[in-house]
Amino acid sequence: MQDELIAISGLTKRYDDFELAGFDLTVEPGSIVGFVGSNGAGKTTTIKCLLGTVFPDGGSVRLLGREVASCSPEHVDAAEHAALMQDVGFVPDACAFPDECTVEVVGRIGAGAFARWNGTVYAQLCRDFGLDARKKVKDLSRGMGMKLSLAFALAHEPRLLVLDEATAGLDPLARDQVLEVIRGFVADEQRGVLISSHITSDLEKAADRIVCIDAGRLIFDLPVDEITDLAGVAHCGAAALDALVASRAYAPGVLRAKRGAYATDVLVPNRFEFAEAFPEVPVDRASIDDYLTLTLRGEQL
């Protein structure tokens, strides 16, 4: 088995009003991992520690088999870290290139910065994404800026792609195009992707696993199929909810519920088993958004 592309263990980072506490995360070759959580949950802090731009207070952060983050900045070898980053493509949540640069000039920047820069790949991706080589960065929409950042990240042929809200600002057709490119990136089973996103429908289409963080703590790390193919949302009236709780079919705290005006939605781990046990209660397939919302905000039954 190949080494994990990302191996974060027990990561801790403290700020005055926030603490990332003992967080774990892995990305294996050939996989796309969706990273979800509300604003301020700790996703950006985790990514910064991963990329070595923030130093953690504890834990281990390994990138492509090498330790990249230390509690003491003086213990980080800058030259070694720069060499490692040649194998990482990063797409931030906003286009980071100078406003006056054209798309063509951004390509020249890449050629000067990366040893494996592939100008042919960059030019083809720009054409596929509808990016005019003469267009200046300041004249690109948010969505087109994201496409430019993705083309830049892919053109130096990285082993790992890290995306922070990379599909934000794109229309549905453009998001599908970007997701197709991302899926193609991992097709050789040698490369991997970590994608932080609030657009959970995109993750349903592309991700293999979903990692959820809330208030700096790991909430769940599950295969997408376990969420979207197995879990369900049961729609219980008052009598059905009372019967469900009284049945003791689930241990206390296992189920999460959201009460509405006419029914209570209950997240169940296996909708097929639930349907057999409670055939009179309608139960639907859970989306990632359902699972996330009910897990984080639902009351325990």
C-alpha atoms as a PDB file:
ATOM      1  CA  MET A   1       0.000   0.000   0.000  1.00  0.00           C
ATOM      2  CA  GLN A   2       1.253   3.477  -0.889  1.00  0.00           C
ATOM      3  CA  ASP A   3       1.924   6.068   1.776  1.00  0.00           C
ATOM      4  CA  GLU A   4      -0.961   8.407   2.533  1.00  0.00           C
ATOM      5  CA  LEU A   5      -0.737  11.707   0.684  1.00  0.00           C
ATOM      6  CA  ILE A   6      -2.009  13.497   3.785  1.00  0.00           C
ATOM      7  CA  ALA A   7      -1.705  12.112   7.307  1.00  0.00           C
ATOM      8  CA  ILE A   8      -2.781  14.530  10.046  1.00  0.00           C
ATOM      9  CA  SER A   9      -2.842  13.121  13.563  1.00  0.00           C
ATOM     10  CA  GLY A  10      -3.804  14.869  16.785  1.00  0.00           C
ATOM     11  CA  LEU A  11      -3.487  18.316  15.237  1.00  0.00           C
ATOM     12  CA  THR A  12      -3.890  21.109  17.770  1.00  0.00           C
ATOM     13  CA  LYS A  13      -3.881  24.853  17.172  1.00  0.00           C
ATOM     14  CA  ARG A  14      -4.992  27.442  19.714  1.00  0.00           C
ATOM     15  CA  TYR A  15      -6.128  31.011  19.148  1.00  0.00           C
ATOM     16  CA  ASP A  16      -7.693  33.405  21.657  1.00  0.00           C
ATOM     17  CA  ASP A  17     -11.234  32.443  20.668  1.00  0.00           C
ATOM     18  CA  PHE A  18     -10.774  29.090  18.933  1.00  0.00           C
ATOM     19  CA  GLU A  19      -9.051  25.739  19.393  1.00  0.00           C
ATOM     20  CA  LEU A  20      -8.421  23.004  16.867  1.00  0.00           C
ATOM     21  CA  ALA A  21      -8.218  20.027  19.217  1.00  0.00           C
ATOM     22  CA  GLY A  22      -6.709  16.625  18.391  1.00  0.00           C
ATOM     23  CA  PHE A  23      -7.902  16.608  14.782  1.00  0.00           C
ATOM     24  CA  ASP A  24      -7.182  13.653  12.449  1.00  0.00           C
ATOM     25  CA  LEU A  25      -7.413  13.550   8.644  1.00  0.00           C
ATOM     26  CA  THR A  26      -6.017  11.287   5.918  1.00  0.00           C
ATOM     27  CA  VAL A  27      -6.086  11.331   2.118  1.00  0.00           C
ATOM     28  CA  GLU A  28      -4.937   8.204   0.297  1.00  0.00           C
ATOM     29  CA  PRO A  29      -3.787   7.890  -3.338  1.00  0.00           C
ATOM     30  CA  GLY A  30      -6.697   7.586  -5.746  1.00  0.00           C
ATOM     31  CA  SER A  31      -9.184   9.235  -3.388  1.00  0.00           C
ATOM     32  CA  ILE A  32     -11.164  12.472  -3.255  1.00  0.00           C
ATOM     33  CA  VAL A  33     -11.932  13.561   0.297  1.00  0.00           C
ATOM     34  CA  GLY A  34     -14.603  16.177   0.955  1.00  0.00           C
ATOM     35  CA  PHE A  35     -13.905  18.439   3.928  1.00  0.00           C
ATOM     36  CA  VAL A  36     -17.046  20.007   5.401  1.00  0.00           C
ATOM     37  CA  GLY A  37     -18.128  22.126   8.336  1.00  0.00           C
ATOM     38  CA  SER A  38     -19.647  25.505   9.087  1.00  0.00           C
ATOM     39  CA  ASN A  39     -17.710  28.761   8.791  1.00  0.00           C
ATOM     40  CA  GLY A  40     -15.183  28.983  11.600  1.00  0.00           C
ATOM     41  CA  ALA A  41     -15.195  25.224  12.208  1.00  0.00           C
ATOM     42  CA  GLY A  42     -11.450  24.860  11.577  1.00  0.00           C
ATOM     43  CA  LYS A  43     -11.180  23.881   7.906  1.00  0.00           C
ATOM     44  CA  THR A  44      -8.985  26.823   6.888  1.00  0.00           C
ATOM     45  CA  THR A  45      -6.748  26.428   9.948  1.00  0.00           C
ATOM     46  CA  THR A  46      -6.252  22.761   9.082  1.00  0.00           C
ATOM     47  CA  ILE A  47      -5.349  23.579   5.477  1.00  0.00           C
ATOM     48  CA  LYS A  48      -2.911  26.279   6.566  1.00  0.00           C
ATOM     49  CA  CYS A  49      -1.171  23.828   8.904  1.00  0.00           C
ATOM     50  CA  LEU A  50      -1.083  21.284   6.095  1.00  0.00           C
ATOM     51  CA  LEU A  51       0.543  23.757   3.704  1.00  0.00           C
ATOM     52  CA  GLY A  52       3.003  24.929   6.343  1.00  0.00           C
ATOM     53  CA  THR A  53       1.800  28.535   6.481  1.00  0.00           C
ATOM     54  CA  VAL A  54       0.658  28.177  10.105  1.00  0.00           C
ATOM     55  CA  PHE A  55       2.554  26.325  12.823  1.00  0.00           C
ATOM     56  CA  PRO A  56       0.504  24.014  15.050  1.00  0.00           C
ATOM     57  CA  ASP A  57       0.701  23.759  18.810  1.00  0.00           C
ATOM     58  CA  GLY A  58       0.698  19.971  18.757  1.00  0.00           C
ATOM     59  CA  GLY A  59       0.182  16.852  16.702  1.00  0.00           C
ATOM     60  CA  SER A  60       1.683  15.565  13.479  1.00  0.00           C
ATOM     61  CA  VAL A  61       1.145  16.807   9.914  1.00  0.00           C
ATOM     62  CA  ARG A  62       2.624  14.633   7.183  1.00  0.00           C
ATOM     63  CA  LEU A  63       2.378  15.582   3.524  1.00  0.00           C
ATOM     64  CA  LEU A  64       3.467  13.102   0.824  1.00  0.00           C
ATOM     65  CA  GLY A  65       5.237  11.084   3.498  1.00  0.00           C
ATOM     66  CA  ARG A  66       7.183  14.020   4.982  1.00  0.00           C
ATOM     67  CA  GLU A  67       6.610  15.986   8.169  1.00  0.00           C
ATOM     68  CA  VAL A  68       5.686  19.507   7.078  1.00  0.00           C
ATOM     69  CA  ALA A  69       4.502  21.292  10.219  1.00  0.00           C
ATOM     70  CA  SER A  70       6.356  21.717  13.469  1.00  0.00           C
ATOM     71  CA  CYS A  71       5.436  23.424  16.706  1.00  0.00           C
ATOM     72  CA  SER A  72       8.626  25.465  16.300  1.00  0.00           C
ATOM     73  CA  PRO A  73       9.179  27.387  13.014  1.00  0.00           C
ATOM     74  CA  GLU A  74      12.943  27.038  13.338  1.00  0.00           C
ATOM     75  CA  HIS A  75      12.589  23.269  12.945  1.00  0.00           C
ATOM     76  CA  VAL A  76      11.142  23.617   9.437  1.00  0.00           C
ATOM     77  CA  ASP A  77      13.611  23.393   6.558  1.00  0.00           C
ATOM     78  CA  ALA A  78      12.433  26.090   4.109  1.00  0.00           C
ATOM     79  CA  ALA A  79      14.238  24.604   1.102  1.00  0.00           C
ATOM     80  CA  GLU A  80      12.881  21.136   1.791  1.00  0.00           C
ATOM     81  CA  HIS A  81       9.384  22.508   2.222  1.00  0.00           C
ATOM     82  CA  ALA A  82       9.603  24.451  -1.060  1.00  0.00           C
ATOM     83  CA  ALA A  83      10.701  21.288  -2.870  1.00  0.00           C
ATOM     84  CA  LEU A  84       7.787  19.353  -1.365  1.00  0.00           C
ATOM     85  CA  MET A  85       5.286  21.991  -2.475  1.00  0.00           C
ATOM     86  CA  GLN A  86       6.282  21.319  -6.078  1.00  0.00           C
ATOM     87  CA  ASP A  87       4.070  18.239  -5.724  1.00  0.00           C
ATOM     88  CA  VAL A  88       1.069  20.090  -4.276  1.00  0.00           C
ATOM     89  CA  GLY A  89      -1.490  22.041  -6.279  1.00  0.00           C
ATOM     90  CA  PHE A  90      -3.443  24.540  -4.185  1.00  0.00           C
ATOM     91  CA  VAL A  91      -6.590  26.369  -5.250  1.00  0.00           C
ATOM     92  CA  PRO A  92      -7.549  29.037  -2.661  1.00  0.00           C
ATOM     93  CA  ASP A  93     -11.008  30.515  -2.198  1.00  0.00           C
ATOM     94  CA  ALA A  94     -10.044  33.650  -4.138  1.00  0.00           C
ATOM     95  CA  CYS A  95      -7.803  34.205  -7.153  1.00  0.00           C
ATOM     96  CA  ALA A  96      -4.366  35.158  -5.821  1.00  0.00           C
ATOM     97  CA  PHE A  97      -2.653  36.415  -8.978  1.00  0.00           C
ATOM     98  CA  PRO A  98      -1.830  40.142  -9.496  1.00  0.00           C
ATOM     99  CA  ASP A  99      -4.696  42.108 -11.039  1.00  0.00           C
ATOM    100  CA  GLU A 100      -2.691  43.357 -14.026  1.00  0.00           C
ATOM    101  CA  CYS A 101      -1.431  39.908 -15.056  1.00  0.00           C
ATOM    102  CA  THR A 102      -2.992  38.359 -18.118  1.00  0.00           C
ATOM    103  CA  VAL A 103      -3.854  34.670 -18.300  1.00  0.00           C
ATOM    104  CA  GLU A 104      -0.805  34.198 -20.510  1.00  0.00           C
ATOM    105  CA  VAL A 105       1.494  35.916 -17.992  1.00  0.00           C
ATOM    106  CA  VAL A 106       0.129  33.706 -15.188  1.00  0.00           C
ATOM    107  CA  GLY A 107       1.371  30.784 -17.262  1.00  0.00           C
ATOM    108  CA  ARG A 108       4.830  32.345 -17.424  1.00  0.00           C
ATOM    109  CA  ILE A 109       4.809  32.695 -13.641  1.00  0.00           C
ATOM    110  CA  GLY A 110       4.101  28.993 -13.391  1.00  0.00           C
ATOM    111  CA  ALA A 111       6.902  28.140 -15.800  1.00  0.00           C
ATOM    112  CA  GLY A 112       9.331  30.049 -13.612  1.00  0.00           C
ATOM    113  CA  ALA A 113       8.089  28.584 -10.332  1.00  0.00           C
ATOM    114  CA  PHE A 114       7.667  24.887 -11.061  1.00  0.00           C
ATOM    115  CA  ALA A 115      10.212  22.419 -12.388  1.00  0.00           C
ATOM    116  CA  ARG A 116       7.539  20.213 -14.018  1.00  0.00           C
ATOM    117  CA  TRP A 117       5.458  23.029 -15.451  1.00  0.00           C
ATOM    118  CA  ASN A 118       3.547  21.799 -18.502  1.00  0.00           C
ATOM    119  CA  GLY A 119       2.656  24.740 -20.705  1.00  0.00           C
ATOM    120  CA  THR A 120       0.678  22.540 -23.067  1.00  0.00           C
ATOM    121  CA  VAL A 121      -1.566  21.322 -20.260  1.00  0.00           C
ATOM    122  CA  TYR A 122      -2.031  24.879 -18.984  1.00  0.00           C
ATOM    123  CA  ALA A 123      -2.953  26.210 -22.429  1.00  0.00           C
ATOM    124  CA  GLN A 124      -5.396  23.351 -23.039  1.00  0.00           C
ATOM    125  CA  LEU A 125      -7.091  23.785 -19.669  1.00  0.00           C
ATOM    126  CA  CYS A 126      -7.421  27.523 -20.287  1.00  0.00           C
ATOM    127  CA  ARG A 127      -9.097  26.790 -23.611  1.00  0.00           C
ATOM    128  CA  ASP A 128     -11.369  24.183 -22.042  1.00  0.00           C
ATOM    129  CA  PHE A 129     -12.326  26.655 -19.310  1.00  0.00           C
ATOM    130  CA  GLY A 130     -12.952  29.492 -21.782  1.00  0.00           C
ATOM    131  CA  LEU A 131     -10.065  31.631 -20.489  1.00  0.00           C
ATOM    132  CA  ASP A 132      -8.793  34.160 -23.035  1.00  0.00           C
ATOM    133  CA  ALA A 133      -4.979  34.328 -22.843  1.00  0.00           C
ATOM    134  CA  ARG A 134      -5.141  38.153 -23.204  1.00  0.00           C
ATOM    135  CA  LYS A 135      -7.636  38.667 -20.386  1.00  0.00           C
ATOM    136  CA  LYS A 136      -6.380  40.378 -17.234  1.00  0.00           C
ATOM    137  CA  VAL A 137      -6.996  38.843 -13.823  1.00  0.00           C
ATOM    138  CA  LYS A 138      -8.864  41.962 -12.649  1.00  0.00           C
ATOM    139  CA  ASP A 139     -11.373  41.487 -15.468  1.00  0.00           C
ATOM    140  CA  LEU A 140     -12.195  37.869 -14.607  1.00  0.00           C
ATOM    141  CA  SER A 141     -15.341  36.956 -12.733  1.00  0.00           C
ATOM    142  CA  ARG A 142     -14.987  35.046  -9.455  1.00  0.00           C
ATOM    143  CA  GLY A 143     -15.847  31.828 -11.252  1.00  0.00           C
ATOM    144  CA  MET A 144     -13.335  32.406 -14.038  1.00  0.00           C
ATOM    145  CA  GLY A 145     -10.708  33.282 -11.450  1.00  0.00           C
ATOM    146  CA  MET A 146     -11.329  29.904  -9.817  1.00  0.00           C
ATOM    147  CA  LYS A 147     -10.881  28.188 -13.179  1.00  0.00           C
ATOM    148  CA  LEU A 148      -7.606  30.044 -13.729  1.00  0.00           C
ATOM    149  CA  SER A 149      -6.364  28.956 -10.300  1.00  0.00           C
ATOM    150  CA  LEU A 150      -7.299  25.348 -11.036  1.00  0.00           C
ATOM    151  CA  ALA A 151      -5.568  25.391 -14.428  1.00  0.00           C
ATOM    152  CA  PHE A 152      -2.449  26.799 -12.746  1.00  0.00           C
ATOM    153  CA  ALA A 153      -2.555  24.157  -9.989  1.00  0.00           C
ATOM    154  CA  LEU A 154      -2.916  21.270 -12.421  1.00  0.00           C
ATOM    155  CA  ALA A 155      -0.324  22.448 -14.942  1.00  0.00           C
ATOM    156  CA  HIS A 156       2.649  21.698 -12.706  1.00  0.00           C
ATOM    157  CA  GLU A 157       1.489  18.060 -12.472  1.00  0.00           C
ATOM    158  CA  PRO A 158       1.144  17.717  -8.678  1.00  0.00           C
ATOM    159  CA  ARG A 159       0.525  14.501  -6.768  1.00  0.00           C
ATOM    160  CA  LEU A 160      -1.936  16.181  -4.417  1.00  0.00           C
ATOM    161  CA  LEU A 161      -4.597  18.788  -5.110  1.00  0.00           C
ATOM    162  CA  VAL A 162      -5.968  20.884  -2.232  1.00  0.00           C
ATOM    163  CA  LEU A 163      -9.026  22.988  -3.023  1.00  0.00           C
ATOM    164  CA  ASP A 164     -10.655  25.552  -0.752  1.00  0.00           C
ATOM    165  CA  GLU A 165     -14.191  26.334  -1.997  1.00  0.00           C
ATOM    166  CA  ALA A 166     -12.955  25.845  -5.565  1.00  0.00           C
ATOM    167  CA  THR A 167     -16.437  25.545  -7.105  1.00  0.00           C
ATOM    168  CA  ALA A 168     -17.808  28.679  -5.414  1.00  0.00           C
ATOM    169  CA  GLY A 169     -19.001  31.243  -7.932  1.00  0.00           C
ATOM    170  CA  LEU A 170     -19.442  28.696 -10.726  1.00  0.00           C
ATOM    171  CA  ASP A 171     -22.752  27.927 -12.375  1.00  0.00           C
ATOM    172  CA  PRO A 172     -23.937  24.273 -12.284  1.00  0.00           C
ATOM    173  CA  LEU A 173     -22.581  23.422 -15.751  1.00  0.00           C
ATOM    174  CA  ALA A 174     -19.183  24.926 -14.960  1.00  0.00           C
ATOM    175  CA  ARG A 175     -19.095  23.091 -11.616  1.00  0.00           C
ATOM    176  CA  ASP A 176     -19.752  19.807 -13.400  1.00  0.00           C
ATOM    177  CA  GLN A 177     -16.888  20.586 -15.789  1.00  0.00           C
ATOM    178  CA  VAL A 178     -14.511  21.261 -12.901  1.00  0.00           C
ATOM    179  CA  LEU A 179     -15.626  18.120 -11.061  1.00  0.00           C
ATOM    180  CA  GLU A 180     -14.972  16.057 -14.186  1.00  0.00           C
ATOM    181  CA  VAL A 181     -11.425  17.439 -14.317  1.00  0.00           C
ATOM    182  CA  ILE A 182     -10.924  16.630 -10.624  1.00  0.00           C
ATOM    183  CA  ARG A 183     -12.183  13.066 -11.078  1.00  0.00           C
ATOM    184  CA  GLY A 184      -9.831  12.648 -14.020  1.00  0.00           C
ATOM    185  CA  PHE A 185      -6.939  13.852 -11.887  1.00  0.00           C
ATOM    186  CA  VAL A 186      -7.202  10.823  -9.554  1.00  0.00           C
ATOM    187  CA  ALA A 187      -7.981   8.264 -12.261  1.00  0.00           C
ATOM    188  CA  ASP A 188      -4.450   6.812 -12.191  1.00  0.00           C
ATOM    189  CA  GLU A 189      -4.856   5.908  -8.481  1.00  0.00           C
ATOM    190  CA  GLN A 190      -1.545   7.659  -7.724  1.00  0.00           C
ATOM    191  CA  ARG A 191      -2.865  11.123  -6.898  1.00  0.00           C
ATOM    192  CA  GLY A 192      -5.428  12.472  -4.468  1.00  0.00           C
ATOM    193  CA  VAL A 193      -7.643  15.457  -3.695  1.00  0.00           C
ATOM    194  CA  LEU A 194      -8.743  17.258  -0.541  1.00  0.00           C
ATOM    195  CA  ILE A 195     -11.649  19.562  -1.332  1.00  0.00           C
ATOM    196  CA  SER A 196     -13.165  21.893   1.239  1.00  0.00           C
ATOM    197  CA  SER A 197     -16.627  22.952   0.114  1.00  0.00           C
ATOM    198  CA  HIS A 198     -19.998  24.169   1.319  1.00  0.00           C
ATOM    199  CA  ILE A 199     -21.618  22.845  -1.879  1.00  0.00           C
ATOM    200  CA  THR A 200     -22.371  19.334  -0.662  1.00  0.00           C
ATOM    201  CA  SER A 201     -24.117  18.340  -3.905  1.00  0.00           C
ATOM    202  CA  ASP A 202     -20.721  18.632  -5.627  1.00  0.00           C
ATOM    203  CA  LEU A 203     -19.193  16.317  -3.042  1.00  0.00           C
ATOM    204  CA  GLU A 204     -21.931  13.758  -3.644  1.00  0.00           C
ATOM    205  CA  LYS A 205     -20.855  13.643  -7.291  1.00  0.00           C
ATOM    206  CA  ALA A 206     -17.105  13.494  -6.769  1.00  0.00           C
ATOM    207  CA  ALA A 207     -15.960  12.560  -3.264  1.00  0.00           C
ATOM    208  CA  ASP A 208     -15.173   9.114  -1.896  1.00  0.00           C
ATOM    209  CA  ARG A 209     -15.166  10.178   1.766  1.00  0.00           C
ATOM    210  CA  ILE A 210     -16.572  13.033   3.798  1.00  0.00           C
ATOM    211  CA  VAL A 211     -14.737  14.433   6.814  1.00  0.00           C
ATOM    212  CA  CYS A 212     -16.764  16.790   9.011  1.00  0.00           C
ATOM    213  CA  ILE A 213     -15.278  19.225  11.505  1.00  0.00           C
ATOM    214  CA  ASP A 214     -17.156  21.415  13.964  1.00  0.00           C
ATOM    215  CA  ALA A 215     -15.751  23.792  16.588  1.00  0.00           C
ATOM    216  CA  GLY A 216     -12.275  22.413  15.922  1.00  0.00           C
ATOM    217  CA  ARG A 217     -13.207  18.766  16.488  1.00  0.00           C
ATOM    218  CA  LEU A 218     -13.707  15.801  14.206  1.00  0.00           C
ATOM    219  CA  ILE A 219     -17.423  14.925  14.038  1.00  0.00           C
ATOM    220  CA  PHE A 220     -17.402  12.126  11.474  1.00  0.00           C
ATOM    221  CA  ASP A 221     -15.233  10.568   8.764  1.00  0.00           C
ATOM    222  CA  LEU A 222     -17.362   8.349   6.523  1.00  0.00           C
ATOM    223  CA  PRO A 223     -17.461   6.907   3.004  1.00  0.00           C
ATOM    224  CA  VAL A 224     -19.935   8.852   0.876  1.00  0.00           C
ATOM    225  CA  ASP A 225     -21.856   5.640   0.163  1.00  0.00           C
ATOM    226  CA  GLU A 226     -22.486   5.132   3.865  1.00  0.00           C
ATOM    227  CA  ILE A 227     -24.179   8.518   3.932  1.00  0.00           C
ATOM    228  CA  THR A 228     -26.059   8.661   0.640  1.00  0.00           C
ATOM    229  CA  ASP A 229     -26.785   4.967   0.006  1.00  0.00           C
ATOM    230  CA  LEU A 230     -27.366   3.701   3.539  1.00  0.00           C
ATOM    231  CA  ALA A 231     -28.491   6.498   5.859  1.00  0.00           C
ATOM    232  CA  GLY A 232     -31.976   7.915   5.707  1.00  0.00           C
ATOM    233  CA  VAL A 233     -34.277  10.642   6.992  1.00  0.00           C
ATOM    234  CA  ALA A 234     -37.467   9.354   8.593  1.00  0.00           C
ATOM    235  CA  HIS A 235     -40.458  11.685   8.718  1.00  0.00           C
ATOM    236  CA  CYS A 236     -42.226  11.012  11.994  1.00  0.00           C
ATOM    237  CA  GLY A 237     -45.526  12.353  13.236  1.00  0.00           C
ATOM    238  CA  ALA A 238     -45.955  12.808  16.987  1.00  0.00           C
ATOM    239  CA  ALA A 239     -47.285   9.271  17.555  1.00  0.00           C
ATOM    240  CA  ALA A 240     -44.611   7.681  15.360  1.00  0.00           C
ATOM    241  CA  LEU A 241     -41.860   9.604  17.160  1.00  0.00           C
ATOM    242  CA  ASP A 242     -43.133   8.467  20.542  1.00  0.00           C
ATOM    243  CA  ALA A 243     -43.284   4.881  19.303  1.00  0.00           C
ATOM    244  CA  LEU A 244     -39.758   5.105  17.909  1.00  0.00           C
ATOM    245  CA  VAL A 245     -38.318   6.384  21.202  1.00  0.00           C
ATOM    246  CA  ALA A 246     -40.312   3.866  23.253  1.00  0.00           C
ATOM    247  CA  SER A 247     -39.154   0.955  21.082  1.00  0.00           C
ATOM    248  CA  ARG A 248     -35.555   1.336  22.244  1.00  0.00           C
ATOM    249  CA  ALA A 249     -34.485   0.073  18.809  1.00  0.00           C
ATOM    250  CA  TYR A 250     -31.617   2.567  18.963  1.00  0.00           C
ATOM    251  CA  ALA A 251     -29.335   3.353  21.864  1.00  0.00           C
ATOM    252  CA  PRO A 252     -29.848   6.781  23.466  1.00  0.00           C
ATOM    253  CA  GLY A 253     -28.045   9.499  21.507  1.00  0.00           C
ATOM    254  CA  VAL A 254     -27.695   7.522  18.271  1.00  0.00           C
ATOM    255  CA  LEU A 255     -30.543   9.299  16.484  1.00  0.00           C
ATOM    256  CA  ARG A 256     -30.599  13.010  15.644  1.00  0.00           C
ATOM    257  CA  ALA A 257     -33.872  14.838  15.072  1.00  0.00           C
ATOM    258  CA  LYS A 258     -35.184  18.168  13.854  1.00  0.00           C
ATOM    259  CA  ARG A 259     -38.710  19.045  14.902  1.00  0.00           C
ATOM    260  CA  GLY A 260     -40.990  20.805  12.441  1.00  0.00           C
ATOM    261  CA  ALA A 261     -44.533  22.120  12.532  1.00  0.00           C
ATOM    262  CA  TYR A 262     -46.093  18.917  11.195  1.00  0.00           C
ATOM    263  CA  ALA A 263     -43.413  16.244  11.531  1.00  0.00           C
ATOM    264  CA  THR A 264     -40.016  15.493  13.007  1.00  0.00           C
ATOM    265  CA  ASP A 265     -37.163  14.527  10.681  1.00  0.00           C
ATOM    266  CA  VAL A 266     -34.978  11.816  12.190  1.00  0.00           C
ATOM    267  CA  LEU A 267     -31.581  10.806  10.822  1.00  0.00           C
ATOM    268  CA  VAL A 268     -31.301   7.007  10.873  1.00  0.00           C
ATOM    269  CA  PRO A 269     -28.051   5.117  10.139  1.00  0.00           C
ATOM    270  CA  ASN A 270     -29.682   2.465   7.921  1.00  0.00           C
ATOM    271  CA  ARG A 271     -32.892   3.372   6.156  1.00  0.00           C
ATOM    272  CA  PHE A 272     -33.538  -0.192   4.960  1.00  0.00           C
ATOM    273  CA  GLU A 273     -33.434  -1.630   8.481  1.00  0.00           C
ATOM    274  CA  PHE A 274     -35.564   1.272   9.692  1.00  0.00           C
ATOM    275  CA  ALA A 275     -38.182   0.641   6.967  1.00  0.00           C
ATOM    276  CA  GLU A 276     -38.461  -2.994   8.026  1.00  0.00           C
ATOM    277  CA  ALA A 277     -38.812  -2.131  11.706  1.00  0.00           C
ATOM    278  CA  PHE A 278     -41.190   0.833  11.198  1.00  0.00           C
ATOM    279  CA  PRO A 279     -42.994   0.236   7.869  1.00  0.00           C
ATOM    280  CA  GLU A 280     -45.649   2.856   8.616  1.00  0.00           C
ATOM    281  CA  VAL A 281     -43.065   5.687   8.796  1.00  0.00           C
ATOM    282  CA  PRO A 282     -41.871   7.189   5.488  1.00  0.00           C
ATOM    283  CA  VAL A 283     -38.086   7.300   5.166  1.00  0.00           C
ATOM    284  CA  ASP A 284     -36.062   8.894   2.369  1.00  0.00           C
ATOM    285  CA  ARG A 285     -32.464   8.648   1.238  1.00  0.00           C
ATOM    286  CA  ALA A 286     -30.232  11.107   3.112  1.00  0.00           C
ATOM    287  CA  SER A 287     -28.166  13.662   1.241  1.00  0.00           C
ATOM    288  CA  ILE A 288     -24.821  14.847   2.578  1.00  0.00           C
ATOM    289  CA  ASP A 289     -26.533  18.115   3.497  1.00  0.00           C
ATOM    290  CA  ASP A 290     -29.235  16.226   5.446  1.00  0.00           C
ATOM    291  CA  TYR A 291     -26.611  14.179   7.249  1.00  0.00           C
ATOM    292  CA  LEU A 292     -24.482  17.208   8.045  1.00  0.00           C
ATOM    293  CA  THR A 293     -27.355  19.387   9.246  1.00  0.00           C
ATOM    294  CA  LEU A 294     -29.011  16.757  11.422  1.00  0.00           C
ATOM    295  CA  THR A 295     -25.707  15.544  12.889  1.00  0.00           C
ATOM    296  CA  LEU A 296     -24.538  19.034  13.808  1.00  0.00           C
ATOM    297  CA  ARG A 297     -27.824  20.744  14.677  1.00  0.00           C
ATOM    298  CA  GLY A 298     -30.259  17.961  15.458  1.00  0.00           C
ATOM    299  CA  GLU A 299     -31.276  17.102  18.992  1.00  0.00           C
ATOM    300  CA  GLN A 300     -30.307  13.713  20.395  1.00  0.00           C
ATOM    301  CA  LEU A 301     -33.097  11.188  20.909  1.00  0.00           C
END
